Amino acid sequence: MRTIWKSVGTMLASLAIVCGLGIAICAYLFWPHCDREEIVLATDGHGRSVVSVFAACTSIGTVLTESIELKTASGDKKTIFEYEPNGGMLGCRGRSFPATAEPSADWSNPSVIHISVSVVSSIAHKLDLVDGIHVTYEIGPVLSEVCGFGKT
């Protein structure tokens, strides 16, 4: 009888270990892992800068996001423009697009920021005024509108 209980205990312990490992592997696969890259696009004489933040998050699929942020001299950040980058799509519906679409920004004067992106997949957030600074844009094709897919 004692041998049976030892066998049952060993089986339950083995089952618990296998289940625990299965849960850990599933959590690793499904939990998003993100890599971020920040690049300063422009800086003004007051210590403020416009920063591009690119994030690639993977779990089952990959989600790419890019945002343009205003970083104040004290280090506070405010998102000006958030979008899904092109992701390498070269064309649709008879139109072609640039393969890379690195954003650029410049200070036209201390109260105006100009942001340029040659092509984006979709736009999630866009401000025309942040901290009293006017923001102007030069954005190429928005693929979700031109190609008729995804979010707008």
C-alpha atoms as a PDB file:
ATOM      1  CA  MET A   1       0.000   0.000   0.000  1.00  0.00           C
ATOM      2  CA  ARG A   2       2.867   2.329   0.794  1.00  0.00           C
ATOM      3  CA  THR A   3       4.352   1.748  -2.673  1.00  0.00           C
ATOM      4  CA  ILE A   4       1.081   2.772  -4.329  1.00  0.00           C
ATOM      5  CA  TRP A   5       1.023   6.093  -2.448  1.00  0.00           C
ATOM      6  CA  LYS A   6       4.653   6.753  -3.391  1.00  0.00           C
ATOM      7  CA  SER A   7       3.800   6.075  -7.035  1.00  0.00           C
ATOM      8  CA  VAL A   8       0.738   8.343  -6.907  1.00  0.00           C
ATOM      9  CA  GLY A   9       2.788  11.086  -5.203  1.00  0.00           C
ATOM     10  CA  THR A  10       5.548  10.792  -7.805  1.00  0.00           C
ATOM     11  CA  MET A  11       3.014  10.968 -10.654  1.00  0.00           C
ATOM     12  CA  LEU A  12       1.321  14.039  -9.166  1.00  0.00           C
ATOM     13  CA  ALA A  13       4.682  15.771  -8.632  1.00  0.00           C
ATOM     14  CA  SER A  14       5.723  14.974 -12.217  1.00  0.00           C
ATOM     15  CA  LEU A  15       2.383  16.255 -13.524  1.00  0.00           C
ATOM     16  CA  ALA A  16       2.766  19.466 -11.506  1.00  0.00           C
ATOM     17  CA  ILE A  17       6.274  20.011 -12.915  1.00  0.00           C
ATOM     18  CA  VAL A  18       5.129  19.397 -16.503  1.00  0.00           C
ATOM     19  CA  CYS A  19       2.127  21.726 -16.069  1.00  0.00           C
ATOM     20  CA  GLY A  20       4.335  24.409 -14.517  1.00  0.00           C
ATOM     21  CA  LEU A  21       6.794  24.190 -17.401  1.00  0.00           C
ATOM     22  CA  GLY A  22       3.932  24.319 -19.915  1.00  0.00           C
ATOM     23  CA  ILE A  23       2.527  27.450 -18.291  1.00  0.00           C
ATOM     24  CA  ALA A  24       5.981  29.067 -18.223  1.00  0.00           C
ATOM     25  CA  ILE A  25       6.585  28.311 -21.917  1.00  0.00           C
ATOM     26  CA  CYS A  26       3.130  29.624 -22.906  1.00  0.00           C
ATOM     27  CA  ALA A  27       3.676  32.781 -20.848  1.00  0.00           C
ATOM     28  CA  TYR A  28       7.030  33.337 -22.561  1.00  0.00           C
ATOM     29  CA  LEU A  29       5.544  32.837 -26.027  1.00  0.00           C
ATOM     30  CA  PHE A  30       2.419  34.947 -25.521  1.00  0.00           C
ATOM     31  CA  TRP A  31       3.828  37.735 -23.302  1.00  0.00           C
ATOM     32  CA  PRO A  32       4.924  40.618 -25.525  1.00  0.00           C
ATOM     33  CA  HIS A  33       8.641  41.404 -25.666  1.00  0.00           C
ATOM     34  CA  CYS A  34       9.413  44.932 -26.797  1.00  0.00           C
ATOM     35  CA  ASP A  35      12.549  46.592 -28.111  1.00  0.00           C
ATOM     36  CA  ARG A  36      12.688  50.387 -28.245  1.00  0.00           C
ATOM     37  CA  GLU A  37      14.950  52.800 -30.036  1.00  0.00           C
ATOM     38  CA  GLU A  38      14.983  56.544 -29.446  1.00  0.00           C
ATOM     39  CA  ILE A  39      16.576  59.021 -31.847  1.00  0.00           C
ATOM     40  CA  VAL A  40      16.721  62.780 -31.334  1.00  0.00           C
ATOM     41  CA  LEU A  41      15.452  64.406 -34.525  1.00  0.00           C
ATOM     42  CA  ALA A  42      15.830  68.091 -33.604  1.00  0.00           C
ATOM     43  CA  THR A  43      16.774  70.260 -30.632  1.00  0.00           C
ATOM     44  CA  ASP A  44      16.042  73.927 -30.039  1.00  0.00           C
ATOM     45  CA  GLY A  45      17.952  76.574 -28.094  1.00  0.00           C
ATOM     46  CA  HIS A  46      15.711  76.138 -25.016  1.00  0.00           C
ATOM     47  CA  GLY A  47      16.818  72.533 -24.391  1.00  0.00           C
ATOM     48  CA  ARG A  48      13.669  71.018 -25.884  1.00  0.00           C
ATOM     49  CA  SER A  49      13.990  68.185 -28.369  1.00  0.00           C
ATOM     50  CA  VAL A  50      11.830  66.239 -30.787  1.00  0.00           C
ATOM     51  CA  VAL A  51      12.453  62.506 -30.357  1.00  0.00           C
ATOM     52  CA  SER A  52      11.460  59.567 -32.553  1.00  0.00           C
ATOM     53  CA  VAL A  53      10.582  56.446 -30.528  1.00  0.00           C
ATOM     54  CA  PHE A  54      10.378  53.179 -32.490  1.00  0.00           C
ATOM     55  CA  ALA A  55       9.004  50.078 -30.711  1.00  0.00           C
ATOM     56  CA  ALA A  56       8.810  46.519 -32.017  1.00  0.00           C
ATOM     57  CA  CYS A  57       6.800  44.179 -29.780  1.00  0.00           C
ATOM     58  CA  THR A  58       6.623  40.450 -30.473  1.00  0.00           C
ATOM     59  CA  SER A  59       4.539  37.623 -29.074  1.00  0.00           C
ATOM     60  CA  ILE A  60       2.699  35.480 -31.616  1.00  0.00           C
ATOM     61  CA  GLY A  61       3.018  38.293 -34.170  1.00  0.00           C
ATOM     62  CA  THR A  62       4.965  41.528 -34.330  1.00  0.00           C
ATOM     63  CA  VAL A  63       3.505  44.975 -33.718  1.00  0.00           C
ATOM     64  CA  LEU A  64       5.465  48.020 -34.871  1.00  0.00           C
ATOM     65  CA  THR A  65       4.740  51.492 -33.544  1.00  0.00           C
ATOM     66  CA  GLU A  66       6.532  54.763 -33.894  1.00  0.00           C
ATOM     67  CA  SER A  67       5.887  58.012 -32.127  1.00  0.00           C
ATOM     68  CA  ILE A  68       7.274  61.516 -32.270  1.00  0.00           C
ATOM     69  CA  GLU A  69       7.575  63.047 -28.818  1.00  0.00           C
ATOM     70  CA  LEU A  70       8.404  66.472 -27.459  1.00  0.00           C
ATOM     71  CA  LYS A  71      10.953  66.203 -24.663  1.00  0.00           C
ATOM     72  CA  THR A  72      11.134  69.303 -22.490  1.00  0.00           C
ATOM     73  CA  ALA A  73      14.322  70.640 -20.906  1.00  0.00           C
ATOM     74  CA  SER A  74      13.180  69.094 -17.591  1.00  0.00           C
ATOM     75  CA  GLY A  75      12.847  65.647 -19.218  1.00  0.00           C
ATOM     76  CA  ASP A  76       9.036  65.471 -19.483  1.00  0.00           C
ATOM     77  CA  LYS A  77       7.767  63.785 -22.656  1.00  0.00           C
ATOM     78  CA  LYS A  78       4.553  64.407 -24.559  1.00  0.00           C
ATOM     79  CA  THR A  79       3.489  62.404 -27.592  1.00  0.00           C
ATOM     80  CA  ILE A  80       2.873  64.627 -30.610  1.00  0.00           C
ATOM     81  CA  PHE A  81       2.312  62.017 -33.316  1.00  0.00           C
ATOM     82  CA  GLU A  82       1.890  58.237 -33.079  1.00  0.00           C
ATOM     83  CA  TYR A  83       1.645  55.947 -36.073  1.00  0.00           C
ATOM     84  CA  GLU A  84       2.256  52.485 -37.416  1.00  0.00           C
ATOM     85  CA  PRO A  85       5.278  52.577 -39.730  1.00  0.00           C
ATOM     86  CA  ASN A  86       5.190  51.272 -43.287  1.00  0.00           C
ATOM     87  CA  GLY A  87       6.801  47.930 -42.435  1.00  0.00           C
ATOM     88  CA  GLY A  88       8.328  47.488 -45.883  1.00  0.00           C
ATOM     89  CA  MET A  89       5.210  47.493 -48.058  1.00  0.00           C
ATOM     90  CA  LEU A  90       6.355  48.755 -51.463  1.00  0.00           C
ATOM     91  CA  GLY A  91       3.027  49.201 -53.208  1.00  0.00           C
ATOM     92  CA  CYS A  92      -0.658  48.424 -53.686  1.00  0.00           C
ATOM     93  CA  ARG A  93      -3.419  49.254 -56.165  1.00  0.00           C
ATOM     94  CA  GLY A  94      -0.915  50.331 -58.804  1.00  0.00           C
ATOM     95  CA  ARG A  95       0.921  52.792 -56.539  1.00  0.00           C
ATOM     96  CA  SER A  96       4.443  52.416 -55.208  1.00  0.00           C
ATOM     97  CA  PHE A  97       5.844  53.689 -51.918  1.00  0.00           C
ATOM     98  CA  PRO A  98       9.320  54.337 -50.512  1.00  0.00           C
ATOM     99  CA  ALA A  99      10.877  51.254 -48.881  1.00  0.00           C
ATOM    100  CA  THR A 100      12.040  53.221 -45.837  1.00  0.00           C
ATOM    101  CA  ALA A 101      10.213  56.057 -44.168  1.00  0.00           C
ATOM    102  CA  GLU A 102      12.444  57.588 -41.521  1.00  0.00           C
ATOM    103  CA  PRO A 103      10.777  60.567 -39.850  1.00  0.00           C
ATOM    104  CA  SER A 104      12.395  63.971 -39.718  1.00  0.00           C
ATOM    105  CA  ALA A 105      11.614  67.071 -37.706  1.00  0.00           C
ATOM    106  CA  ASP A 106      12.812  70.635 -37.516  1.00  0.00           C
ATOM    107  CA  TRP A 107      12.007  73.754 -35.560  1.00  0.00           C
ATOM    108  CA  SER A 108      10.784  76.364 -38.053  1.00  0.00           C
ATOM    109  CA  ASN A 109      11.011  78.839 -35.169  1.00  0.00           C
ATOM    110  CA  PRO A 110      10.760  78.416 -31.360  1.00  0.00           C
ATOM    111  CA  SER A 111       6.981  78.008 -31.565  1.00  0.00           C
ATOM    112  CA  VAL A 112       6.627  75.731 -34.628  1.00  0.00           C
ATOM    113  CA  ILE A 113       7.726  72.126 -35.169  1.00  0.00           C
ATOM    114  CA  HIS A 114       7.565  70.626 -38.667  1.00  0.00           C
ATOM    115  CA  ILE A 115       7.361  66.796 -38.901  1.00  0.00           C
ATOM    116  CA  SER A 116       7.860  64.848 -42.146  1.00  0.00           C
ATOM    117  CA  VAL A 117       7.271  61.147 -42.837  1.00  0.00           C
ATOM    118  CA  SER A 118       7.222  59.863 -46.420  1.00  0.00           C
ATOM    119  CA  VAL A 119       4.756  56.994 -45.823  1.00  0.00           C
ATOM    120  CA  VAL A 120       2.885  55.499 -42.827  1.00  0.00           C
ATOM    121  CA  SER A 121       0.692  52.460 -42.446  1.00  0.00           C
ATOM    122  CA  SER A 122      -1.856  54.115 -40.140  1.00  0.00           C
ATOM    123  CA  ILE A 123      -2.148  57.084 -37.781  1.00  0.00           C
ATOM    124  CA  ALA A 124      -3.146  56.525 -34.155  1.00  0.00           C
ATOM    125  CA  HIS A 125      -2.609  59.984 -32.600  1.00  0.00           C
ATOM    126  CA  LYS A 126      -1.864  63.408 -34.071  1.00  0.00           C
ATOM    127  CA  LEU A 127      -1.697  66.778 -32.299  1.00  0.00           C
ATOM    128  CA  ASP A 128      -1.529  70.192 -33.966  1.00  0.00           C
ATOM    129  CA  LEU A 129      -0.632  72.019 -30.723  1.00  0.00           C
ATOM    130  CA  VAL A 130       1.470  70.826 -27.782  1.00  0.00           C
ATOM    131  CA  ASP A 131       2.685  73.040 -24.920  1.00  0.00           C
ATOM    132  CA  GLY A 132       1.900  76.168 -26.955  1.00  0.00           C
ATOM    133  CA  ILE A 133       3.967  74.907 -29.900  1.00  0.00           C
ATOM    134  CA  HIS A 134       2.243  74.583 -33.272  1.00  0.00           C
ATOM    135  CA  VAL A 135       2.950  71.350 -35.140  1.00  0.00           C
ATOM    136  CA  THR A 136       2.830  71.139 -38.927  1.00  0.00           C
ATOM    137  CA  TYR A 137       3.026  67.900 -40.886  1.00  0.00           C
ATOM    138  CA  GLU A 138       4.148  66.636 -44.248  1.00  0.00           C
ATOM    139  CA  ILE A 139       2.910  63.032 -44.352  1.00  0.00           C
ATOM    140  CA  GLY A 140       2.992  60.910 -47.483  1.00  0.00           C
ATOM    141  CA  PRO A 141       0.463  58.177 -48.242  1.00  0.00           C
ATOM    142  CA  VAL A 142      -1.401  56.551 -45.338  1.00  0.00           C
ATOM    143  CA  LEU A 143      -1.519  52.926 -46.448  1.00  0.00           C
ATOM    144  CA  SER A 144      -4.624  51.992 -44.459  1.00  0.00           C
ATOM    145  CA  GLU A 145      -6.532  54.607 -46.498  1.00  0.00           C
ATOM    146  CA  VAL A 146      -4.794  54.157 -49.864  1.00  0.00           C
ATOM    147  CA  CYS A 147      -4.780  50.338 -49.793  1.00  0.00           C
ATOM    148  CA  GLY A 148      -8.019  49.903 -47.823  1.00  0.00           C
ATOM    149  CA  PHE A 149      -6.836  47.812 -44.876  1.00  0.00           C
ATOM    150  CA  GLY A 150      -6.085  48.067 -41.163  1.00  0.00           C
ATOM    151  CA  LYS A 151      -6.919  50.880 -38.797  1.00  0.00           C
ATOM    152  CA  THR A 152      -7.341  54.508 -39.749  1.00  0.00           C
END
